[in-house]
């Protein structure tokens, strides 16, 4: 797990300009008032991601139970914005904070980098979150690994200096040799998002790796939302599976060792007229319950949106997330080709 960090507050004005956290154009996000500390509890899951491609998942075909609620309404969403963030200045500030020497170099990818792969390095990415990372493989080889309480105190101090709203994060501390990792999850209404700051503390209390983001959550009120039954019916239309239902990962599944494994070559395909029939695994599911909440959605551009979505429970007990916003706020567009082929090349071949 990549891991996060903190920076020392140089000046309130500088942090506001570089990190972008004191912009008056971004309203306050409702957050947890009393953050909790979770110690190695992986079953506490962040907001689900809608539209994600899940490997090795059978096709799911959904229908709505007749009793499923179908009231329309409105709900708030959120977007991650990078307003007023000077990434070059941010890279310089992080380099000074972590003692990384070298010039700030602009890369063709849009990232900014300081340092080298053999020592300390800083990377500030050109993505919508303005995410960043510090690492130094030469730090923290000797001494004791800090206890959870000491690591949490260090991370709170560092992130507080960075300007992170500590009332708006949910803490997780994972202790393992040779380092202790503190994760500060960004929250919305007491629920973790997928975004976090991570601080990895090694021997002698040294920060060995750190990562986070400088982008800000901006509320977007007033999204019109479909009723749950209508949203399920829409998902069966061509193309709409891009917005769910998407299976929700809820902890690791325990395999049943009592089932004797079969040879992959022992199965015999069904036939029609002596010819093998192509078979696809599919689940016919009925949505029996729906709760309106939020799910994260990544735009083709890389922008992150947190949108109103239904958390569905199917008749087999599985849980799924499904985008709830109305058609007016959904758009289909063709993918941008990465390597467009010249028509003359096609003719010549």
Protein backbone atom coordinates (compact mmCIF):
# COMPACT_ATOMS: atom_id res chain seq x y z
CA UNK A 1 0.00 0.00 0.00
CA UNK A 2 1.39 3.32 -1.08
CA UNK A 3 1.89 5.56 1.91
CA UNK A 4 1.47 9.21 2.93
CA UNK A 5 2.95 12.07 4.59
CA UNK A 6 2.84 15.46 5.91
CA UNK A 7 4.53 18.71 5.35
CA UNK A 8 5.66 21.45 7.71
CA UNK A 9 3.58 24.62 7.48
CA UNK A 10 5.86 27.31 6.04
CA UNK A 11 3.30 30.12 6.08
CA UNK A 12 -0.47 30.19 5.97
CA UNK A 13 -0.51 32.32 2.84
CA UNK A 14 1.98 30.09 1.02
CA UNK A 15 0.08 26.90 1.87
CA UNK A 16 -3.17 28.50 0.74
CA UNK A 17 -1.61 29.45 -2.58
CA UNK A 18 0.30 26.23 -3.26
CA UNK A 19 -1.91 23.54 -1.76
CA UNK A 20 -5.16 25.27 -2.64
CA UNK A 21 -6.92 24.55 0.67
CA UNK A 22 -7.92 28.07 1.69
CA UNK A 23 -9.76 29.00 -1.51
CA UNK A 24 -12.96 30.86 -0.68
CA UNK A 25 -14.62 29.43 -3.79
CA UNK A 26 -14.80 25.92 -2.33
CA UNK A 27 -17.59 25.47 0.25
CA UNK A 28 -16.95 23.41 3.35
CA UNK A 29 -17.64 19.71 3.01
CA UNK A 30 -19.71 18.01 5.73
CA UNK A 31 -17.27 15.77 7.60
CA UNK A 32 -16.91 13.58 10.64
CA UNK A 33 -16.85 15.64 13.85
CA UNK A 34 -15.13 13.00 15.98
CA UNK A 35 -12.72 10.94 13.88
CA UNK A 36 -12.24 7.34 14.94
CA UNK A 37 -9.09 5.26 14.88
CA UNK A 38 -9.34 1.84 13.28
CA UNK A 39 -6.54 -0.63 13.89
CA UNK A 40 -6.09 -3.12 11.04
CA UNK A 41 -9.76 -3.48 10.23
CA UNK A 42 -9.97 -4.16 6.47
CA UNK A 43 -13.73 -4.77 6.52
CA UNK A 44 -14.27 -1.01 6.92
CA UNK A 45 -14.67 -0.16 3.24
CA UNK A 46 -14.57 3.24 1.51
CA UNK A 47 -17.29 4.48 -0.80
CA UNK A 48 -17.89 2.05 -3.65
CA UNK A 49 -16.64 2.78 -7.17
CA UNK A 50 -19.32 2.68 -9.86
CA UNK A 51 -18.50 1.66 -13.41
CA UNK A 52 -15.33 -0.16 -12.44
CA UNK A 53 -14.37 -3.20 -14.51
CA UNK A 54 -14.21 -6.14 -12.14
CA UNK A 55 -12.01 -9.04 -13.31
CA UNK A 56 -13.39 -12.57 -13.34
CA UNK A 57 -16.92 -11.38 -12.62
CA UNK A 58 -19.79 -13.19 -14.34
CA UNK A 59 -22.30 -11.14 -16.28
CA UNK A 60 -25.17 -9.92 -14.06
CA UNK A 61 -28.63 -9.25 -15.47
CA UNK A 62 -30.82 -7.23 -13.11
CA UNK A 63 -34.55 -6.82 -12.72
CA UNK A 64 -36.31 -4.84 -10.00
CA UNK A 65 -38.56 -6.48 -7.47
CA UNK A 66 -42.12 -5.14 -7.70
CA UNK A 67 -41.93 -3.73 -4.18
CA UNK A 68 -38.68 -1.82 -4.83
CA UNK A 69 -39.13 1.89 -4.09
CA UNK A 70 -39.31 4.20 -7.10
CA UNK A 71 -39.52 7.76 -5.77
CA UNK A 72 -37.56 10.43 -7.62
CA UNK A 73 -35.75 13.16 -5.75
CA UNK A 74 -32.64 15.32 -5.53
CA UNK A 75 -29.28 14.69 -3.88
CA UNK A 76 -25.89 16.36 -3.62
CA UNK A 77 -22.75 15.13 -5.34
CA UNK A 78 -19.12 16.23 -5.14
CA UNK A 79 -16.21 16.84 -7.45
CA UNK A 80 -12.47 16.98 -6.83
CA UNK A 81 -11.05 20.32 -7.98
CA UNK A 82 -7.47 21.55 -8.23
CA UNK A 83 -8.27 25.27 -8.14
CA UNK A 84 -5.26 27.56 -7.61
CA UNK A 85 -2.76 24.73 -7.11
CA UNK A 86 0.70 25.58 -8.41
CA UNK A 87 2.16 22.09 -8.85
CA UNK A 88 5.70 23.30 -9.39
CA UNK A 89 5.60 25.30 -6.17
CA UNK A 90 4.03 22.34 -4.38
CA UNK A 91 6.86 20.07 -5.54
CA UNK A 92 9.42 22.61 -4.33
CA UNK A 93 7.70 22.93 -0.95
CA UNK A 94 7.57 19.16 -0.46
CA UNK A 95 11.22 18.82 -1.48
CA UNK A 96 12.25 21.40 1.12
CA UNK A 97 10.10 19.74 3.77
CA UNK A 98 11.50 16.25 3.23
CA UNK A 99 15.06 17.36 2.48
CA UNK A 100 15.13 16.20 -1.13
CA UNK A 101 17.83 17.92 -3.16
CA UNK A 102 17.69 18.83 -6.82
CA UNK A 103 15.80 21.02 -9.26
CA UNK A 104 12.08 20.74 -9.96
CA UNK A 105 11.80 19.05 -13.35
CA UNK A 106 8.71 19.16 -15.57
CA UNK A 107 7.98 15.82 -17.28
CA UNK A 108 6.15 15.34 -20.60
CA UNK A 109 3.39 13.47 -18.73
CA UNK A 110 2.48 16.63 -16.81
CA UNK A 111 4.16 15.49 -13.58
CA UNK A 112 6.75 17.47 -11.62
CA UNK A 113 9.68 15.59 -10.09
CA UNK A 114 12.51 16.31 -7.66
CA UNK A 115 15.33 13.92 -6.71
CA UNK A 116 16.36 10.52 -8.05
CA UNK A 117 15.34 6.87 -7.90
CA UNK A 118 18.42 6.02 -5.79
CA UNK A 119 17.54 8.40 -2.97
CA UNK A 120 14.80 10.72 -1.85
CA UNK A 121 12.30 11.77 -4.50
CA UNK A 122 9.15 13.86 -4.81
CA UNK A 123 6.53 13.46 -7.53
CA UNK A 124 3.55 15.79 -7.97
CA UNK A 125 1.19 14.42 -10.59
CA UNK A 126 -0.78 16.35 -13.17
CA UNK A 127 -4.02 14.52 -12.32
CA UNK A 128 -7.26 16.09 -11.12
CA UNK A 129 -6.43 15.41 -7.46
CA UNK A 130 -2.95 16.96 -7.67
CA UNK A 131 -1.72 13.79 -5.98
CA UNK A 132 1.84 13.61 -4.71
CA UNK A 133 4.32 11.12 -3.31
CA UNK A 134 7.55 11.15 -1.33
CA UNK A 135 9.84 8.16 -0.92
CA UNK A 136 13.38 7.51 0.22
CA UNK A 137 14.63 3.90 0.30
CA UNK A 138 17.70 4.91 2.32
CA UNK A 139 15.78 6.07 5.42
CA UNK A 140 14.81 4.11 8.48
CA UNK A 141 17.04 1.03 8.39
CA UNK A 142 17.98 0.97 12.09
CA UNK A 143 16.25 1.34 15.42
CA UNK A 144 12.77 0.48 16.67
CA UNK A 145 9.55 0.66 14.72
CA UNK A 146 7.25 3.23 16.39
CA UNK A 147 4.18 2.07 18.28
CA UNK A 148 0.72 2.80 16.87
CA UNK A 149 0.10 5.67 19.28
CA UNK A 150 3.41 7.37 18.46
CA UNK A 151 2.89 6.92 14.72
CA UNK A 152 -0.61 8.37 14.94
CA UNK A 153 0.66 11.39 16.87
CA UNK A 154 3.36 12.00 14.25
CA UNK A 155 0.90 11.71 11.36
CA UNK A 156 -1.64 14.02 13.01
CA UNK A 157 1.02 16.66 13.53
CA UNK A 158 2.33 16.43 9.97
CA UNK A 159 -1.07 16.50 8.30
CA UNK A 160 -2.23 19.29 10.57
CA UNK A 161 0.77 21.36 9.46
CA UNK A 162 -0.16 20.54 5.87
CA UNK A 163 -3.56 22.11 6.37
CA UNK A 164 -5.66 18.94 6.26
CA UNK A 165 -8.95 19.29 8.16
CA UNK A 166 -8.33 16.66 10.83
CA UNK A 167 -12.01 16.71 11.81
CA UNK A 168 -12.78 15.51 8.30
CA UNK A 169 -10.69 12.34 8.25
CA UNK A 170 -11.13 8.81 9.56
CA UNK A 171 -7.92 7.34 10.92
CA UNK A 172 -6.55 3.86 10.33
CA UNK A 173 -3.28 2.58 11.79
CA UNK A 174 -1.64 -0.55 10.41
CA UNK A 175 1.39 -1.77 12.36
CA UNK A 176 3.80 -4.17 10.70
CA UNK A 177 7.55 -4.65 10.63
CA UNK A 178 9.55 -2.77 9.47
CA UNK A 179 7.13 0.18 9.42
CA UNK A 180 3.85 1.50 10.79
CA UNK A 181 1.44 3.07 8.33
CA UNK A 182 -1.11 5.71 9.26
CA UNK A 183 -3.95 6.29 6.80
CA UNK A 184 -6.12 9.40 7.02
CA UNK A 185 -9.21 8.74 4.90
CA UNK A 186 -11.06 11.76 3.51
CA UNK A 187 -14.67 11.51 4.66
CA UNK A 188 -18.04 12.81 3.51
CA UNK A 189 -20.80 12.68 6.11
CA UNK A 190 -18.79 10.27 8.25
CA UNK A 191 -18.17 7.86 5.36
CA UNK A 192 -14.75 7.22 3.88
CA UNK A 193 -14.07 8.09 0.29
CA UNK A 194 -11.42 6.32 -1.79
CA UNK A 195 -9.04 9.28 -1.22
CA UNK A 196 -6.53 9.31 1.61
CA UNK A 197 -3.25 10.62 2.92
CA UNK A 198 -0.78 7.92 3.96
CA UNK A 199 2.24 8.25 6.22
CA UNK A 200 4.64 5.32 6.51
CA UNK A 201 6.96 5.55 9.51
CA UNK A 202 9.95 3.26 9.77
CA UNK A 203 12.67 2.69 12.31
CA UNK A 204 13.73 5.57 14.57
CA UNK A 205 10.47 7.32 13.71
CA UNK A 206 11.62 8.33 10.24
CA UNK A 207 9.11 8.84 7.45
CA UNK A 208 10.09 6.41 4.71
CA UNK A 209 7.25 7.05 2.26
CA UNK A 210 4.35 9.44 2.04
CA UNK A 211 1.57 10.23 -0.37
CA UNK A 212 -1.53 12.35 -0.54
CA UNK A 213 -3.38 14.88 -2.62
CA UNK A 214 -3.84 18.64 -2.71
CA UNK A 215 -7.18 18.71 -4.52
CA UNK A 216 -10.33 19.76 -2.70
CA UNK A 217 -13.82 18.28 -2.52
CA UNK A 218 -16.39 20.72 -3.86
CA UNK A 219 -20.11 20.05 -3.17
CA UNK A 220 -22.44 20.00 -6.18
CA UNK A 221 -26.00 20.27 -4.85
CA UNK A 222 -29.28 19.45 -6.54
CA UNK A 223 -28.67 16.43 -8.79
CA UNK A 224 -32.06 15.03 -9.93
CA UNK A 225 -32.13 11.29 -9.21
CA UNK A 226 -34.22 8.46 -10.59
CA UNK A 227 -36.29 6.13 -8.46
CA UNK A 228 -34.47 2.90 -7.60
CA UNK A 229 -36.67 0.65 -9.76
CA UNK A 230 -36.33 3.01 -12.71
CA UNK A 231 -32.55 3.10 -12.30
CA UNK A 232 -32.42 -0.70 -12.33
CA UNK A 233 -34.53 -0.87 -15.49
CA UNK A 234 -32.32 1.74 -17.16
CA UNK A 235 -29.21 -0.29 -16.39
CA UNK A 236 -30.51 -3.10 -18.62
CA UNK A 237 -30.53 -0.84 -21.68
CA UNK A 238 -27.57 -1.05 -24.11
CA UNK A 239 -24.54 0.85 -22.88
CA UNK A 240 -25.87 1.75 -19.44
CA UNK A 241 -23.86 -0.97 -17.73
CA UNK A 242 -21.00 1.57 -17.81
CA UNK A 243 -22.73 3.21 -14.83
CA UNK A 244 -23.56 0.04 -12.90
CA UNK A 245 -24.69 -2.10 -11.30
CA UNK A 246 -21.11 -2.63 -10.14
CA UNK A 247 -20.29 -5.23 -7.46
CA UNK A 248 -19.25 -3.77 -4.13
CA UNK A 249 -16.08 -5.25 -2.66
CA UNK A 250 -16.78 -6.04 0.98
CA UNK A 251 -13.79 -7.83 2.47
CA UNK A 252 -12.10 -10.93 1.24
CA UNK A 253 -14.07 -14.02 0.38
CA UNK A 254 -13.23 -17.25 2.17
CA UNK A 255 -12.77 -20.17 -0.17
CA UNK A 256 -14.51 -23.45 0.50
CA UNK A 257 -11.71 -26.00 0.78
CA UNK A 258 -14.25 -28.82 1.08
CA UNK A 259 -15.09 -28.53 -2.63
CA UNK A 260 -12.96 -30.91 -4.65
CA UNK A 261 -11.30 -29.05 -7.54
CA UNK A 262 -12.20 -30.12 -11.06
CA UNK A 263 -9.83 -30.51 -13.93
CA UNK A 264 -10.32 -27.59 -16.35
CA UNK A 265 -10.36 -30.08 -19.21
CA UNK A 266 -12.99 -32.44 -17.82
CA UNK A 267 -16.04 -30.30 -18.76
CA UNK A 268 -17.97 -31.17 -21.89
CA UNK A 269 -19.63 -28.36 -23.82
CA UNK A 270 -23.34 -28.66 -24.56
CA UNK A 271 -24.06 -29.26 -28.22
CA UNK A 272 -26.76 -28.55 -30.76
CA UNK A 273 -26.70 -30.80 -33.81
CA UNK A 274 -23.34 -32.11 -32.67
CA UNK A 275 -21.77 -28.63 -32.63
CA UNK A 276 -20.47 -27.11 -29.34
CA UNK A 277 -22.51 -24.23 -27.95
CA UNK A 278 -20.74 -21.06 -26.77
CA UNK A 279 -21.52 -20.60 -23.06
CA UNK A 280 -21.26 -17.41 -20.97
CA UNK A 281 -21.68 -17.38 -17.20
CA UNK A 282 -24.53 -15.08 -16.21
CA UNK A 283 -26.37 -14.28 -13.00
CA UNK A 284 -30.03 -13.37 -13.13
CA UNK A 285 -30.49 -11.14 -10.10
CA UNK A 286 -33.44 -9.31 -8.60
CA UNK A 287 -32.85 -6.02 -6.79
CA UNK A 288 -34.80 -6.37 -3.53
CA UNK A 289 -33.51 -3.37 -1.56
CA UNK A 290 -32.05 0.02 -2.50
CA UNK A 291 -30.49 2.75 -0.38
CA UNK A 292 -29.56 6.12 -1.86
CA UNK A 293 -25.99 7.08 -1.09
CA UNK A 294 -22.82 8.01 -2.95
CA UNK A 295 -20.33 6.29 -5.22
CA UNK A 296 -17.14 7.43 -6.90
CA UNK A 297 -16.96 7.68 -10.67
CA UNK A 298 -13.87 8.43 -12.74
CA UNK A 299 -14.38 10.42 -15.91
CA UNK A 300 -12.48 9.48 -19.10
CA UNK A 301 -10.42 12.63 -18.49
CA UNK A 302 -9.35 11.31 -15.08
CA UNK A 303 -11.54 13.72 -13.10
CA UNK A 304 -13.12 12.16 -10.01
CA UNK A 305 -16.80 12.70 -9.30
CA UNK A 306 -18.68 11.48 -6.23
CA UNK A 307 -22.28 11.09 -7.36
CA UNK A 308 -25.65 10.02 -5.97
CA UNK A 309 -25.91 6.26 -6.38
CA UNK A 310 -28.02 3.42 -5.10
CA UNK A 311 -26.55 0.67 -2.97
CA UNK A 312 -28.54 -2.35 -4.15
CA UNK A 313 -29.07 -5.63 -2.36
CA UNK A 314 -29.85 -8.55 -4.66
CA UNK A 315 -31.93 -11.63 -3.90
CA UNK A 316 -28.75 -13.67 -3.36
CA UNK A 317 -27.47 -11.22 -0.72
CA UNK A 318 -24.82 -9.63 -2.96
CA UNK A 319 -24.45 -5.85 -2.94
CA UNK A 320 -24.05 -3.55 -5.92
CA UNK A 321 -23.76 0.16 -6.64
CA UNK A 322 -25.71 1.89 -9.39
CA UNK A 323 -25.60 5.49 -10.60
CA UNK A 324 -28.82 7.32 -9.72
CA UNK A 325 -28.59 10.66 -11.56
CA UNK A 326 -31.04 11.28 -14.40
CA UNK A 327 -30.26 10.94 -18.11
CA UNK A 328 -29.76 14.69 -18.53
CA UNK A 329 -26.57 14.41 -16.45
CA UNK A 330 -25.14 11.41 -18.30
CA UNK A 331 -23.30 11.56 -21.60
CA UNK A 332 -21.87 8.91 -23.90
CA UNK A 333 -18.88 9.87 -26.01
CA UNK A 334 -16.53 7.82 -28.22
CA UNK A 335 -13.10 6.97 -26.82
CA UNK A 336 -10.13 9.05 -27.89
CA UNK A 337 -7.78 6.85 -29.94
CA UNK A 338 -4.34 6.63 -28.38
CA UNK A 339 -2.53 5.91 -31.66
CA UNK A 340 -4.67 6.98 -34.60
CA UNK A 341 -3.90 5.04 -37.76
CA UNK A 342 -3.25 6.99 -40.93
CA UNK A 343 -5.58 5.92 -43.74
CA UNK A 344 -2.64 5.82 -46.19
CA UNK A 345 -1.03 3.12 -44.04
CA UNK A 346 -4.20 1.03 -44.29
CA UNK A 347 -4.30 1.38 -48.09
CA UNK A 348 -0.63 0.52 -48.45
CA UNK A 349 -1.15 -2.73 -46.56
